[in-house]
Amino acid sequence: MAQIKITLVRGVAGTLPKQRKTIKALGLGKISSSVIREDNPVFRGMVRTVSHLVKVEEV
């Protein structure tokens, strides 16, 4: 299955608690941290919740 690379490009200060939990659940911590995840509806929905904070690339 395809994979996506998710990179945190903005900090979580000033965001809603739900968005902070989503960033943590994705496995991101500091700005510029990246993770590679399977491209499935679960992760796509999480990315959509925090789309203004992350950058997504196909791997």
N, C-alpha and C. Protein backbone atom coordinates (compact mmCIF):
# COMPACT_ATOMS: atom_id res chain seq x y z
N MET A 1 0.84 -1.19 0.00
CA MET A 1 0.00 0.00 0.00
C MET A 1 0.88 1.24 0.00
N ALA A 2 0.36 2.32 -0.50
CA ALA A 2 1.10 3.58 -0.58
C ALA A 2 1.36 4.15 0.81
N GLN A 3 2.38 4.96 0.89
CA GLN A 3 2.72 5.60 2.16
C GLN A 3 2.78 7.10 1.97
N ILE A 4 2.57 7.84 3.07
CA ILE A 4 2.66 9.28 3.05
C ILE A 4 3.64 9.73 4.13
N LYS A 5 4.35 10.81 3.83
CA LYS A 5 5.27 11.41 4.79
C LYS A 5 4.60 12.66 5.33
N ILE A 6 4.44 12.73 6.65
CA ILE A 6 3.78 13.87 7.30
C ILE A 6 4.84 14.64 8.08
N THR A 7 4.95 15.94 7.81
CA THR A 7 5.94 16.79 8.46
C THR A 7 5.24 17.93 9.17
N LEU A 8 5.61 18.16 10.42
CA LEU A 8 5.06 19.28 11.19
C LEU A 8 5.78 20.55 10.79
N VAL A 9 5.05 21.52 10.24
CA VAL A 9 5.69 22.75 9.76
C VAL A 9 5.35 23.96 10.62
N ARG A 10 4.35 23.85 11.47
CA ARG A 10 4.01 24.94 12.39
C ARG A 10 3.86 24.38 13.79
N GLY A 11 4.11 25.20 14.78
CA GLY A 11 4.00 24.77 16.16
C GLY A 11 2.55 24.63 16.60
N VAL A 12 2.35 23.96 17.73
CA VAL A 12 1.00 23.70 18.22
C VAL A 12 0.54 24.71 19.27
N ALA A 13 1.38 25.68 19.58
CA ALA A 13 0.99 26.71 20.54
C ALA A 13 -0.20 27.50 20.01
N GLY A 14 -1.22 27.63 20.82
CA GLY A 14 -2.39 28.39 20.43
C GLY A 14 -3.42 27.58 19.67
N THR A 15 -3.21 26.29 19.53
CA THR A 15 -4.18 25.45 18.83
C THR A 15 -5.15 24.82 19.83
N LEU A 16 -6.20 24.23 19.31
CA LEU A 16 -7.18 23.57 20.15
C LEU A 16 -6.61 22.28 20.73
N PRO A 17 -7.07 21.89 21.92
CA PRO A 17 -6.58 20.64 22.52
C PRO A 17 -6.76 19.42 21.62
N LYS A 18 -7.87 19.37 20.88
CA LYS A 18 -8.10 18.24 19.97
C LYS A 18 -7.01 18.17 18.90
N GLN A 19 -6.58 19.33 18.40
CA GLN A 19 -5.54 19.36 17.38
C GLN A 19 -4.20 18.93 17.97
N ARG A 20 -3.91 19.32 19.21
CA ARG A 20 -2.66 18.91 19.85
C ARG A 20 -2.63 17.41 20.04
N LYS A 21 -3.75 16.83 20.42
CA LYS A 21 -3.83 15.37 20.60
C LYS A 21 -3.67 14.65 19.27
N THR A 22 -4.19 15.22 18.22
CA THR A 22 -4.06 14.61 16.90
C THR A 22 -2.60 14.61 16.45
N ILE A 23 -1.90 15.72 16.67
CA ILE A 23 -0.47 15.80 16.33
C ILE A 23 0.31 14.75 17.10
N LYS A 24 0.01 14.61 18.38
CA LYS A 24 0.68 13.62 19.23
C LYS A 24 0.37 12.20 18.74
N ALA A 25 -0.89 11.95 18.37
CA ALA A 25 -1.29 10.62 17.89
C ALA A 25 -0.62 10.27 16.56
N LEU A 26 -0.32 11.26 15.75
CA LEU A 26 0.40 11.02 14.50
C LEU A 26 1.86 10.69 14.76
N GLY A 27 2.35 10.99 15.95
CA GLY A 27 3.74 10.71 16.28
C GLY A 27 4.67 11.88 16.06
N LEU A 28 4.10 13.08 15.93
CA LEU A 28 4.90 14.28 15.71
C LEU A 28 5.13 15.00 17.03
N GLY A 29 6.27 15.66 17.16
CA GLY A 29 6.57 16.37 18.39
C GLY A 29 6.99 17.80 18.12
N LYS A 30 8.22 17.94 17.63
CA LYS A 30 8.76 19.26 17.39
C LYS A 30 8.56 19.67 15.93
N ILE A 31 8.71 20.96 15.67
CA ILE A 31 8.64 21.46 14.30
C ILE A 31 9.72 20.78 13.48
N SER A 32 9.40 20.44 12.25
CA SER A 32 10.27 19.75 11.29
C SER A 32 10.38 18.26 11.55
N SER A 33 9.70 17.73 12.55
CA SER A 33 9.71 16.28 12.74
C SER A 33 8.80 15.64 11.70
N SER A 34 9.19 14.46 11.23
CA SER A 34 8.45 13.77 10.18
C SER A 34 8.19 12.32 10.57
N VAL A 35 7.10 11.78 10.04
CA VAL A 35 6.78 10.36 10.19
C VAL A 35 6.28 9.84 8.86
N ILE A 36 6.44 8.55 8.66
CA ILE A 36 5.90 7.90 7.47
C ILE A 36 4.80 6.96 7.92
N ARG A 37 3.63 7.11 7.34
CA ARG A 37 2.45 6.32 7.71
C ARG A 37 1.82 5.74 6.45
N GLU A 38 1.03 4.69 6.65
CA GLU A 38 0.26 4.12 5.55
C GLU A 38 -0.78 5.13 5.08
N ASP A 39 -1.04 5.15 3.79
CA ASP A 39 -2.04 6.06 3.24
C ASP A 39 -3.40 5.37 3.30
N ASN A 40 -4.12 5.61 4.39
CA ASN A 40 -5.46 5.05 4.54
C ASN A 40 -6.40 6.12 5.08
N PRO A 41 -7.69 5.87 5.08
CA PRO A 41 -8.65 6.90 5.51
C PRO A 41 -8.46 7.40 6.94
N VAL A 42 -7.94 6.56 7.82
CA VAL A 42 -7.73 6.97 9.21
C VAL A 42 -6.72 8.11 9.28
N PHE A 43 -5.56 7.90 8.67
CA PHE A 43 -4.52 8.93 8.71
C PHE A 43 -4.89 10.14 7.87
N ARG A 44 -5.59 9.94 6.77
CA ARG A 44 -6.03 11.07 5.95
C ARG A 44 -6.98 11.97 6.74
N GLY A 45 -7.86 11.38 7.55
CA GLY A 45 -8.76 12.16 8.38
C GLY A 45 -8.02 12.94 9.45
N MET A 46 -7.01 12.30 10.05
CA MET A 46 -6.20 12.99 11.06
C MET A 46 -5.45 14.16 10.44
N VAL A 47 -4.91 13.95 9.24
CA VAL A 47 -4.18 15.01 8.54
C VAL A 47 -5.12 16.16 8.20
N ARG A 48 -6.35 15.84 7.80
CA ARG A 48 -7.32 16.88 7.46
C ARG A 48 -7.63 17.75 8.68
N THR A 49 -7.65 17.15 9.87
CA THR A 49 -7.93 17.90 11.10
C THR A 49 -6.84 18.94 11.37
N VAL A 50 -5.60 18.62 11.04
CA VAL A 50 -4.48 19.52 11.33
C VAL A 50 -3.77 19.96 10.05
N SER A 51 -4.52 20.09 8.97
CA SER A 51 -3.92 20.40 7.66
C SER A 51 -3.17 21.73 7.64
N HIS A 52 -3.54 22.66 8.50
CA HIS A 52 -2.88 23.95 8.54
C HIS A 52 -1.53 23.89 9.29
N LEU A 53 -1.24 22.76 9.91
CA LEU A 53 -0.01 22.62 10.69
C LEU A 53 1.00 21.67 10.06
N VAL A 54 0.56 20.87 9.09
CA VAL A 54 1.44 19.84 8.53
C VAL A 54 1.57 19.95 7.02
N LYS A 55 2.60 19.27 6.50
CA LYS A 55 2.82 19.14 5.06
C LYS A 55 2.82 17.64 4.76
N VAL A 56 2.13 17.23 3.70
CA VAL A 56 2.01 15.82 3.35
C VAL A 56 2.62 15.57 1.99
N GLU A 57 3.42 14.50 1.88
CA GLU A 57 4.05 14.11 0.64
C GLU A 57 3.85 12.63 0.41
N GLU A 58 3.72 12.22 -0.85
CA GLU A 58 3.68 10.80 -1.19
C GLU A 58 5.10 10.26 -1.12
N VAL A 59 5.25 9.03 -0.63
CA VAL A 59 6.58 8.40 -0.56
C VAL A 59 6.63 7.28 -1.56
